[in-house]
Amino acid sequence: MKKEIFIGFLIGLLATAAGFYLYVEFVLAGTFEEAFAIVAEKKLYGKILSIAAIANLLVFFVFIKKKQDYKARGVLIATFLVAFIILITQFL
């Protein structure tokens, strides 16, 4: 049970990282390094992480559809962690 939750948690973090990469690479202008520099300069981490976390929604529903509830629970925990990180970045 704990292993399944941990796997879901890792998949949730990877889905968020992939969403972040895809957003920075394809939506923002320039190369990845230039776009990441703009994100750092304007402190847009929270906003982009919010958009990137949408990828977790897809993963969550795939796990629910396959009746892998513990992995879906891990994805949900990862999403809450990302939300907590966003909350912290908004106030710093």
PDB file of N, CA and C in Angstrom:
ATOM      1  N   MET A   1       0.831  -1.186   0.000  1.00  0.00           N
ATOM      2  CA  MET A   1       0.000   0.000   0.000  1.00  0.00           C
ATOM      3  C   MET A   1       0.875   1.249   0.000  1.00  0.00           C
ATOM      4  N   LYS A   2       1.850   1.339   0.898  1.00  0.00           N
ATOM      5  CA  LYS A   2       2.711   2.516   0.958  1.00  0.00           C
ATOM      6  C   LYS A   2       3.546   2.651  -0.304  1.00  0.00           C
ATOM      7  N   LYS A   3       3.936   1.513  -0.866  1.00  0.00           N
ATOM      8  CA  LYS A   3       4.722   1.530  -2.095  1.00  0.00           C
ATOM      9  C   LYS A   3       3.897   2.120  -3.239  1.00  0.00           C
ATOM     10  N   GLU A   4       2.627   1.752  -3.321  1.00  0.00           N
ATOM     11  CA  GLU A   4       1.751   2.266  -4.371  1.00  0.00           C
ATOM     12  C   GLU A   4       1.554   3.773  -4.224  1.00  0.00           C
ATOM     13  N   ILE A   5       1.381   4.242  -3.007  1.00  0.00           N
ATOM     14  CA  ILE A   5       1.218   5.679  -2.771  1.00  0.00           C
ATOM     15  C   ILE A   5       2.497   6.414  -3.162  1.00  0.00           C
ATOM     16  N   PHE A   6       3.650   5.845  -2.799  1.00  0.00           N
ATOM     17  CA  PHE A   6       4.927   6.463  -3.133  1.00  0.00           C
ATOM     18  C   PHE A   6       5.123   6.530  -4.646  1.00  0.00           C
ATOM     19  N   ILE A   7       4.760   5.471  -5.353  1.00  0.00           N
ATOM     20  CA  ILE A   7       4.868   5.465  -6.819  1.00  0.00           C
ATOM     21  C   ILE A   7       3.963   6.547  -7.409  1.00  0.00           C
ATOM     22  N   GLY A   8       2.752   6.656  -6.910  1.00  0.00           N
ATOM     23  CA  GLY A   8       1.842   7.702  -7.368  1.00  0.00           C
ATOM     24  C   GLY A   8       2.376   9.091  -7.079  1.00  0.00           C
ATOM     25  N   PHE A   9       3.006   9.245  -5.903  1.00  0.00           N
ATOM     26  CA  PHE A   9       3.600  10.527  -5.530  1.00  0.00           C
ATOM     27  C   PHE A   9       4.713  10.911  -6.513  1.00  0.00           C
ATOM     28  N   LEU A  10       5.587   9.955  -6.820  1.00  0.00           N
ATOM     29  CA  LEU A  10       6.668  10.225  -7.773  1.00  0.00           C
ATOM     30  C   LEU A  10       6.129  10.544  -9.161  1.00  0.00           C
ATOM     31  N   ILE A  11       5.123   9.809  -9.583  1.00  0.00           N
ATOM     32  CA  ILE A  11       4.528  10.062 -10.895  1.00  0.00           C
ATOM     33  C   ILE A  11       3.877  11.447 -10.920  1.00  0.00           C
ATOM     34  N   GLY A  12       3.250  11.841  -9.815  1.00  0.00           N
ATOM     35  CA  GLY A  12       2.660  13.175  -9.725  1.00  0.00           C
ATOM     36  C   GLY A  12       3.708  14.272  -9.821  1.00  0.00           C
ATOM     37  N   LEU A  13       4.843  14.074  -9.158  1.00  0.00           N
ATOM     38  CA  LEU A  13       5.917  15.064  -9.249  1.00  0.00           C
ATOM     39  C   LEU A  13       6.506  15.110 -10.658  1.00  0.00           C
ATOM     40  N   LEU A  14       6.663  13.944 -11.270  1.00  0.00           N
ATOM     41  CA  LEU A  14       7.190  13.898 -12.638  1.00  0.00           C
ATOM     42  C   LEU A  14       6.218  14.534 -13.630  1.00  0.00           C
ATOM     43  N   ALA A  15       4.928  14.333 -13.430  1.00  0.00           N
ATOM     44  CA  ALA A  15       3.934  14.942 -14.311  1.00  0.00           C
ATOM     45  C   ALA A  15       3.978  16.470 -14.182  1.00  0.00           C
ATOM     46  N   THR A  16       4.148  16.962 -12.965  1.00  0.00           N
ATOM     47  CA  THR A  16       4.252  18.405 -12.766  1.00  0.00           C
ATOM     48  C   THR A  16       5.524  18.944 -13.410  1.00  0.00           C
ATOM     49  N   ALA A  17       6.632  18.222 -13.244  1.00  0.00           N
ATOM     50  CA  ALA A  17       7.900  18.645 -13.857  1.00  0.00           C
ATOM     51  C   ALA A  17       7.786  18.644 -15.383  1.00  0.00           C
ATOM     52  N   ALA A  18       7.125  17.638 -15.923  1.00  0.00           N
ATOM     53  CA  ALA A  18       6.939  17.575 -17.373  1.00  0.00           C
ATOM     54  C   ALA A  18       6.047  18.716 -17.849  1.00  0.00           C
ATOM     55  N   GLY A  19       4.995  19.013 -17.107  1.00  0.00           N
ATOM     56  CA  GLY A  19       4.128  20.137 -17.457  1.00  0.00           C
ATOM     57  C   GLY A  19       4.874  21.458 -17.400  1.00  0.00           C
ATOM     58  N   PHE A  20       5.729  21.623 -16.396  1.00  0.00           N
ATOM     59  CA  PHE A  20       6.542  22.835 -16.275  1.00  0.00           C
ATOM     60  C   PHE A  20       7.475  22.966 -17.471  1.00  0.00           C
ATOM     61  N   TYR A  21       8.145  21.866 -17.807  1.00  0.00           N
ATOM     62  CA  TYR A  21       9.075  21.890 -18.936  1.00  0.00           C
ATOM     63  C   TYR A  21       8.336  22.213 -20.239  1.00  0.00           C
ATOM     64  N   LEU A  22       7.219  21.547 -20.482  1.00  0.00           N
ATOM     65  CA  LEU A  22       6.473  21.774 -21.716  1.00  0.00           C
ATOM     66  C   LEU A  22       5.976  23.210 -21.814  1.00  0.00           C
ATOM     67  N   TYR A  23       5.514  23.756 -20.695  1.00  0.00           N
ATOM     68  CA  TYR A  23       5.034  25.136 -20.718  1.00  0.00           C
ATOM     69  C   TYR A  23       6.173  26.099 -21.010  1.00  0.00           C
ATOM     70  N   VAL A  24       7.285  25.934 -20.325  1.00  0.00           N
ATOM     71  CA  VAL A  24       8.420  26.839 -20.529  1.00  0.00           C
ATOM     72  C   VAL A  24       8.986  26.681 -21.934  1.00  0.00           C
ATOM     73  N   GLU A  25       9.058  25.463 -22.426  1.00  0.00           N
ATOM     74  CA  GLU A  25       9.658  25.205 -23.733  1.00  0.00           C
ATOM     75  C   GLU A  25       8.794  25.705 -24.886  1.00  0.00           C
ATOM     76  N   PHE A  26       7.490  25.468 -24.814  1.00  0.00           N
ATOM     77  CA  PHE A  26       6.648  25.731 -25.973  1.00  0.00           C
ATOM     78  C   PHE A  26       5.792  26.985 -25.881  1.00  0.00           C
ATOM     79  N   VAL A  27       5.519  27.470 -24.712  1.00  0.00           N
ATOM     80  CA  VAL A  27       4.665  28.649 -24.594  1.00  0.00           C
ATOM     81  C   VAL A  27       5.491  29.923 -24.499  1.00  0.00           C
ATOM     82  N   LEU A  28       6.543  29.887 -23.711  1.00  0.00           N
ATOM     83  CA  LEU A  28       7.380  31.068 -23.569  1.00  0.00           C
ATOM     84  C   LEU A  28       8.352  31.159 -24.748  1.00  0.00           C
ATOM     85  N   ALA A  29       8.671  32.383 -25.140  1.00  0.00           N
ATOM     86  CA  ALA A  29       9.524  32.604 -26.306  1.00  0.00           C
ATOM     87  C   ALA A  29      10.985  32.308 -25.992  1.00  0.00           C
ATOM     88  N   GLY A  30      11.724  31.934 -27.022  1.00  0.00           N
ATOM     89  CA  GLY A  30      13.156  31.709 -26.873  1.00  0.00           C
ATOM     90  C   GLY A  30      13.475  30.279 -26.499  1.00  0.00           C
ATOM     91  N   THR A  31      14.743  30.054 -26.200  1.00  0.00           N
ATOM     92  CA  THR A  31      15.180  28.729 -25.789  1.00  0.00           C
ATOM     93  C   THR A  31      14.745  28.470 -24.352  1.00  0.00           C
ATOM     94  N   PHE A  32      14.939  27.242 -23.922  1.00  0.00           N
ATOM     95  CA  PHE A  32      14.541  26.883 -22.561  1.00  0.00           C
ATOM     96  C   PHE A  32      15.319  27.702 -21.541  1.00  0.00           C
ATOM     97  N   GLU A  33      16.600  27.891 -21.766  1.00  0.00           N
ATOM     98  CA  GLU A  33      17.425  28.651 -20.823  1.00  0.00           C
ATOM     99  C   GLU A  33      16.980  30.105 -20.745  1.00  0.00           C
ATOM    100  N   GLU A  34      16.683  30.719 -21.904  1.00  0.00           N
ATOM    101  CA  GLU A  34      16.230  32.112 -21.926  1.00  0.00           C
ATOM    102  C   GLU A  34      14.874  32.249 -21.231  1.00  0.00           C
ATOM    103  N   ALA A  35      13.973  31.325 -21.538  1.00  0.00           N
ATOM    104  CA  ALA A  35      12.644  31.370 -20.935  1.00  0.00           C
ATOM    105  C   ALA A  35      12.723  31.156 -19.429  1.00  0.00           C
ATOM    106  N   PHE A  36      13.585  30.240 -19.002  1.00  0.00           N
ATOM    107  CA  PHE A  36      13.737  29.989 -17.577  1.00  0.00           C
ATOM    108  C   PHE A  36      14.324  31.206 -16.871  1.00  0.00           C
ATOM    109  N   ALA A  37      15.209  31.921 -17.552  1.00  0.00           N
ATOM    110  CA  ALA A  37      15.769  33.149 -16.988  1.00  0.00           C
ATOM    111  C   ALA A  37      14.680  34.201 -16.815  1.00  0.00           C
ATOM    112  N   ILE A  38      13.770  34.285 -17.771  1.00  0.00           N
ATOM    113  CA  ILE A  38      12.650  35.226 -17.668  1.00  0.00           C
ATOM    114  C   ILE A  38      11.748  34.846 -16.501  1.00  0.00           C
ATOM    115  N   VAL A  39      11.491  33.557 -16.349  1.00  0.00           N
ATOM    116  CA  VAL A  39      10.665  33.081 -15.233  1.00  0.00           C
ATOM    117  C   VAL A  39      11.309  33.448 -13.901  1.00  0.00           C
ATOM    118  N   ALA A  40      12.617  33.256 -13.809  1.00  0.00           N
ATOM    119  CA  ALA A  40      13.331  33.577 -12.570  1.00  0.00           C
ATOM    120  C   ALA A  40      13.340  35.082 -12.321  1.00  0.00           C
ATOM    121  N   GLU A  41      13.530  35.856 -13.376  1.00  0.00           N
ATOM    122  CA  GLU A  41      13.601  37.309 -13.243  1.00  0.00           C
ATOM    123  C   GLU A  41      12.272  37.909 -12.792  1.00  0.00           C
ATOM    124  N   LYS A  42      11.192  37.427 -13.376  1.00  0.00           N
ATOM    125  CA  LYS A  42       9.870  37.972 -13.059  1.00  0.00           C
ATOM    126  C   LYS A  42       9.169  37.222 -11.927  1.00  0.00           C
ATOM    127  N   LYS A  43       9.841  36.207 -11.378  1.00  0.00           N
ATOM    128  CA  LYS A  43       9.304  35.410 -10.268  1.00  0.00           C
ATOM    129  C   LYS A  43       7.926  34.820 -10.602  1.00  0.00           C
ATOM    130  N   LEU A  44       7.886  34.105 -11.702  1.00  0.00           N
ATOM    131  CA  LEU A  44       6.642  33.497 -12.182  1.00  0.00           C
ATOM    132  C   LEU A  44       6.519  32.022 -11.821  1.00  0.00           C
ATOM    133  N   TYR A  45       7.340  31.557 -10.893  1.00  0.00           N
ATOM    134  CA  TYR A  45       7.337  30.133 -10.547  1.00  0.00           C
ATOM    135  C   TYR A  45       5.954  29.655 -10.126  1.00  0.00           C
ATOM    136  N   GLY A  46       5.307  30.393  -9.256  1.00  0.00           N
ATOM    137  CA  GLY A  46       4.004  29.973  -8.741  1.00  0.00           C
ATOM    138  C   GLY A  46       2.956  29.853  -9.827  1.00  0.00           C
ATOM    139  N   LYS A  47       2.922  30.827 -10.711  1.00  0.00           N
ATOM    140  CA  LYS A  47       1.919  30.806 -11.772  1.00  0.00           C
ATOM    141  C   LYS A  47       2.157  29.667 -12.748  1.00  0.00           C
ATOM    142  N   ILE A  48       3.419  29.446 -13.095  1.00  0.00           N
ATOM    143  CA  ILE A  48       3.718  28.378 -14.041  1.00  0.00           C
ATOM    144  C   ILE A  48       3.545  27.012 -13.387  1.00  0.00           C
ATOM    145  N   LEU A  49       3.896  26.888 -12.110  1.00  0.00           N
ATOM    146  CA  LEU A  49       3.667  25.614 -11.414  1.00  0.00           C
ATOM    147  C   LEU A  49       2.177  25.301 -11.325  1.00  0.00           C
ATOM    148  N   SER A  50       1.363  26.329 -11.167  1.00  0.00           N
ATOM    149  CA  SER A  50      -0.088  26.112 -11.132  1.00  0.00           C
ATOM    150  C   SER A  50      -0.578  25.526 -12.444  1.00  0.00           C
ATOM    151  N   ILE A  51      -0.079  26.054 -13.538  1.00  0.00           N
ATOM    152  CA  ILE A  51      -0.459  25.539 -14.854  1.00  0.00           C
ATOM    153  C   ILE A  51       0.120  24.143 -15.064  1.00  0.00           C
ATOM    154  N   ALA A  52       1.349  23.946 -14.617  1.00  0.00           N
ATOM    155  CA  ALA A  52       2.013  22.651 -14.807  1.00  0.00           C
ATOM    156  C   ALA A  52       1.329  21.546 -14.019  1.00  0.00           C
ATOM    157  N   ALA A  53       0.720  21.882 -12.895  1.00  0.00           N
ATOM    158  CA  ALA A  53       0.059  20.871 -12.061  1.00  0.00           C
ATOM    159  C   ALA A  53      -1.204  20.314 -12.714  1.00  0.00           C
ATOM    160  N   ILE A  54      -1.661  20.950 -13.772  1.00  0.00           N
ATOM    161  CA  ILE A  54      -2.833  20.436 -14.490  1.00  0.00           C
ATOM    162  C   ILE A  54      -2.537  19.045 -15.060  1.00  0.00           C
ATOM    163  N   ALA A  55      -1.278  18.775 -15.355  1.00  0.00           N
ATOM    164  CA  ALA A  55      -0.907  17.445 -15.857  1.00  0.00           C
ATOM    165  C   ALA A  55      -1.250  16.363 -14.837  1.00  0.00           C
ATOM    166  N   ASN A  56      -1.244  16.711 -13.556  1.00  0.00           N
ATOM    167  CA  ASN A  56      -1.598  15.740 -12.523  1.00  0.00           C
ATOM    168  C   ASN A  56      -3.060  15.313 -12.636  1.00  0.00           C
ATOM    169  N   LEU A  57      -3.880  16.191 -13.134  1.00  0.00           N
ATOM    170  CA  LEU A  57      -5.295  15.866 -13.299  1.00  0.00           C
ATOM    171  C   LEU A  57      -5.465  14.686 -14.250  1.00  0.00           C
ATOM    172  N   LEU A  58      -4.739  14.726 -15.346  1.00  0.00           N
ATOM    173  CA  LEU A  58      -4.809  13.632 -16.310  1.00  0.00           C
ATOM    174  C   LEU A  58      -4.321  12.322 -15.689  1.00  0.00           C
ATOM    175  N   VAL A  59      -3.184  12.382 -15.015  1.00  0.00           N
ATOM    176  CA  VAL A  59      -2.624  11.180 -14.386  1.00  0.00           C
ATOM    177  C   VAL A  59      -3.569  10.643 -13.307  1.00  0.00           C
ATOM    178  N   PHE A  60      -4.136  11.543 -12.523  1.00  0.00           N
ATOM    179  CA  PHE A  60      -5.059  11.156 -11.460  1.00  0.00           C
ATOM    180  C   PHE A  60      -6.247  10.373 -12.028  1.00  0.00           C
ATOM    181  N   PHE A  61      -6.860  10.898 -13.087  1.00  0.00           N
ATOM    182  CA  PHE A  61      -8.026  10.228 -13.649  1.00  0.00           C
ATOM    183  C   PHE A  61      -7.675   8.915 -14.347  1.00  0.00           C
ATOM    184  N   VAL A  62      -6.464   8.814 -14.887  1.00  0.00           N
ATOM    185  CA  VAL A  62      -6.033   7.536 -15.466  1.00  0.00           C
ATOM    186  C   VAL A  62      -5.953   6.484 -14.370  1.00  0.00           C
ATOM    187  N   PHE A  63      -5.375   6.852 -13.226  1.00  0.00           N
ATOM    188  CA  PHE A  63      -5.284   5.903 -12.117  1.00  0.00           C
ATOM    189  C   PHE A  63      -6.663   5.545 -11.564  1.00  0.00           C
ATOM    190  N   ILE A  64      -7.549   6.500 -11.488  1.00  0.00           N
ATOM    191  CA  ILE A  64      -8.912   6.218 -11.010  1.00  0.00           C
ATOM    192  C   ILE A  64      -9.613   5.269 -11.987  1.00  0.00           C
ATOM    193  N   LYS A  65      -9.459   5.536 -13.277  1.00  0.00           N
ATOM    194  CA  LYS A  65     -10.102   4.696 -14.289  1.00  0.00           C
ATOM    195  C   LYS A  65      -9.580   3.254 -14.233  1.00  0.00           C
ATOM    196  N   LYS A  66      -8.287   3.093 -13.938  1.00  0.00           N
ATOM    197  CA  LYS A  66      -7.693   1.760 -13.848  1.00  0.00           C
ATOM    198  C   LYS A  66      -7.891   1.132 -12.472  1.00  0.00           C
ATOM    199  N   LYS A  67      -8.605   1.815 -11.603  1.00  0.00           N
ATOM    200  CA  LYS A  67      -8.888   1.350 -10.240  1.00  0.00           C
ATOM    201  C   LYS A  67      -7.601   1.149  -9.428  1.00  0.00           C
ATOM    202  N   GLN A  68      -6.662   2.055  -9.619  1.00  0.00           N
ATOM    203  CA  GLN A  68      -5.426   2.069  -8.843  1.00  0.00           C
ATOM    204  C   GLN A  68      -5.507   3.244  -7.868  1.00  0.00           C
ATOM    205  N   ASP A  69      -6.352   3.058  -6.875  1.00  0.00           N
ATOM    206  CA  ASP A  69      -6.685   4.152  -5.971  1.00  0.00           C
ATOM    207  C   ASP A  69      -5.498   4.640  -5.141  1.00  0.00           C
ATOM    208  N   TYR A  70      -4.613   3.761  -4.755  1.00  0.00           N
ATOM    209  CA  TYR A  70      -3.483   4.190  -3.941  1.00  0.00           C
ATOM    210  C   TYR A  70      -2.500   5.037  -4.745  1.00  0.00           C
ATOM    211  N   LYS A  71      -2.300   4.705  -6.007  1.00  0.00           N
ATOM    212  CA  LYS A  71      -1.459   5.546  -6.859  1.00  0.00           C
ATOM    213  C   LYS A  71      -2.126   6.900  -7.086  1.00  0.00           C
ATOM    214  N   ALA A  72      -3.441   6.899  -7.252  1.00  0.00           N
ATOM    215  CA  ALA A  72      -4.165   8.160  -7.396  1.00  0.00           C
ATOM    216  C   ALA A  72      -4.031   8.991  -6.132  1.00  0.00           C
ATOM    217  N   ARG A  73      -4.024   8.341  -4.990  1.00  0.00           N
ATOM    218  CA  ARG A  73      -3.835   9.050  -3.725  1.00  0.00           C
ATOM    219  C   ARG A  73      -2.444   9.689  -3.663  1.00  0.00           C
ATOM    220  N   GLY A  74      -1.438   8.989  -4.166  1.00  0.00           N
ATOM    221  CA  GLY A  74      -0.088   9.541  -4.216  1.00  0.00           C
ATOM    222  C   GLY A  74      -0.005  10.763  -5.121  1.00  0.00           C
ATOM    223  N   VAL A  75      -0.699  10.709  -6.262  1.00  0.00           N
ATOM    224  CA  VAL A  75      -0.739  11.865  -7.163  1.00  0.00           C
ATOM    225  C   VAL A  75      -1.413  13.042  -6.462  1.00  0.00           C
ATOM    226  N   LEU A  76      -2.462  12.770  -5.712  1.00  0.00           N
ATOM    227  CA  LEU A  76      -3.156  13.826  -4.979  1.00  0.00           C
ATOM    228  C   LEU A  76      -2.249  14.448  -3.920  1.00  0.00           C
ATOM    229  N   ILE A  77      -1.470  13.634  -3.240  1.00  0.00           N
ATOM    230  CA  ILE A  77      -0.524  14.147  -2.246  1.00  0.00           C
ATOM    231  C   ILE A  77       0.527  15.020  -2.928  1.00  0.00           C
ATOM    232  N   ALA A  78       1.021  14.598  -4.088  1.00  0.00           N
ATOM    233  CA  ALA A  78       1.995  15.396  -4.836  1.00  0.00           C
ATOM    234  C   ALA A  78       1.388  16.723  -5.262  1.00  0.00           C
ATOM    235  N   THR A  79       0.128  16.704  -5.650  1.00  0.00           N
ATOM    236  CA  THR A  79      -0.546  17.936  -6.045  1.00  0.00           C
ATOM    237  C   THR A  79      -0.676  18.884  -4.863  1.00  0.00           C
ATOM    238  N   PHE A  80      -0.988  18.353  -3.688  1.00  0.00           N
ATOM    239  CA  PHE A  80      -1.056  19.201  -2.494  1.00  0.00           C
ATOM    240  C   PHE A  80       0.319  19.766  -2.144  1.00  0.00           C
ATOM    241  N   LEU A  81       1.360  18.989  -2.332  1.00  0.00           N
ATOM    242  CA  LEU A  81       2.710  19.482  -2.084  1.00  0.00           C
ATOM    243  C   LEU A  81       3.045  20.628  -3.034  1.00  0.00           C
ATOM    244  N   VAL A  82       2.716  20.475  -4.301  1.00  0.00           N
ATOM    245  CA  VAL A  82       2.956  21.539  -5.274  1.00  0.00           C
ATOM    246  C   VAL A  82       2.147  22.785  -4.903  1.00  0.00           C
ATOM    247  N   ALA A  83       0.909  22.586  -4.475  1.00  0.00           N
ATOM    248  CA  ALA A  83       0.087  23.729  -4.054  1.00  0.00           C
ATOM    249  C   ALA A  83       0.707  24.434  -2.855  1.00  0.00           C
ATOM    250  N   PHE A  84       1.262  23.673  -1.921  1.00  0.00           N
ATOM    251  CA  PHE A  84       1.928  24.254  -0.765  1.00  0.00           C
ATOM    252  C   PHE A  84       3.163  25.042  -1.194  1.00  0.00           C
ATOM    253  N   ILE A  85       3.924  24.506  -2.140  1.00  0.00           N
ATOM    254  CA  ILE A  85       5.096  25.213  -2.658  1.00  0.00           C
ATOM    255  C   ILE A  85       4.674  26.509  -3.348  1.00  0.00           C
ATOM    256  N   ILE A  86       3.596  26.461  -4.093  1.00  0.00           N
ATOM    257  CA  ILE A  86       3.079  27.665  -4.752  1.00  0.00           C
ATOM    258  C   ILE A  86       2.685  28.695  -3.708  1.00  0.00           C
ATOM    259  N   LEU A  87       2.028  28.261  -2.664  1.00  0.00           N
ATOM    260  CA  LEU A  87       1.627  29.165  -1.578  1.00  0.00           C
ATOM    261  C   LEU A  87       2.844  29.839  -0.951  1.00  0.00           C
ATOM    262  N   ILE A  88       3.879  29.072  -0.721  1.00  0.00           N
ATOM    263  CA  ILE A  88       5.099  29.636  -0.119  1.00  0.00           C
ATOM    264  C   ILE A  88       5.756  30.630  -1.080  1.00  0.00           C
ATOM    265  N   THR A  89       5.848  30.295  -2.363  1.00  0.00           N
ATOM    266  CA  THR A  89       6.509  31.193  -3.315  1.00  0.00           C
ATOM    267  C   THR A  89       5.740  32.488  -3.499  1.00  0.00           C
ATOM    268  N   GLN A  90       4.444  32.457  -3.322  1.00  0.00           N
ATOM    269  CA  GLN A  90       3.661  33.675  -3.491  1.00  0.00           C
ATOM    270  C   GLN A  90       3.885  34.672  -2.355  1.00  0.00           C
ATOM    271  N   PHE A  91       4.260  34.169  -1.187  1.00  0.00           N
ATOM    272  CA  PHE A  91       4.439  35.065  -0.042  1.00  0.00           C
ATOM    273  C   PHE A  91       5.885  35.436   0.219  1.00  0.00           C
ATOM    274  N   LEU A  92       6.819  34.870  -0.535  1.00  0.00           N
ATOM    275  CA  LEU A  92       8.228  35.215  -0.347  1.00  0.00           C
ATOM    276  C   LEU A  92       8.680  36.284  -1.299  1.00  0.00           C
TER     277      LEU A  92
END
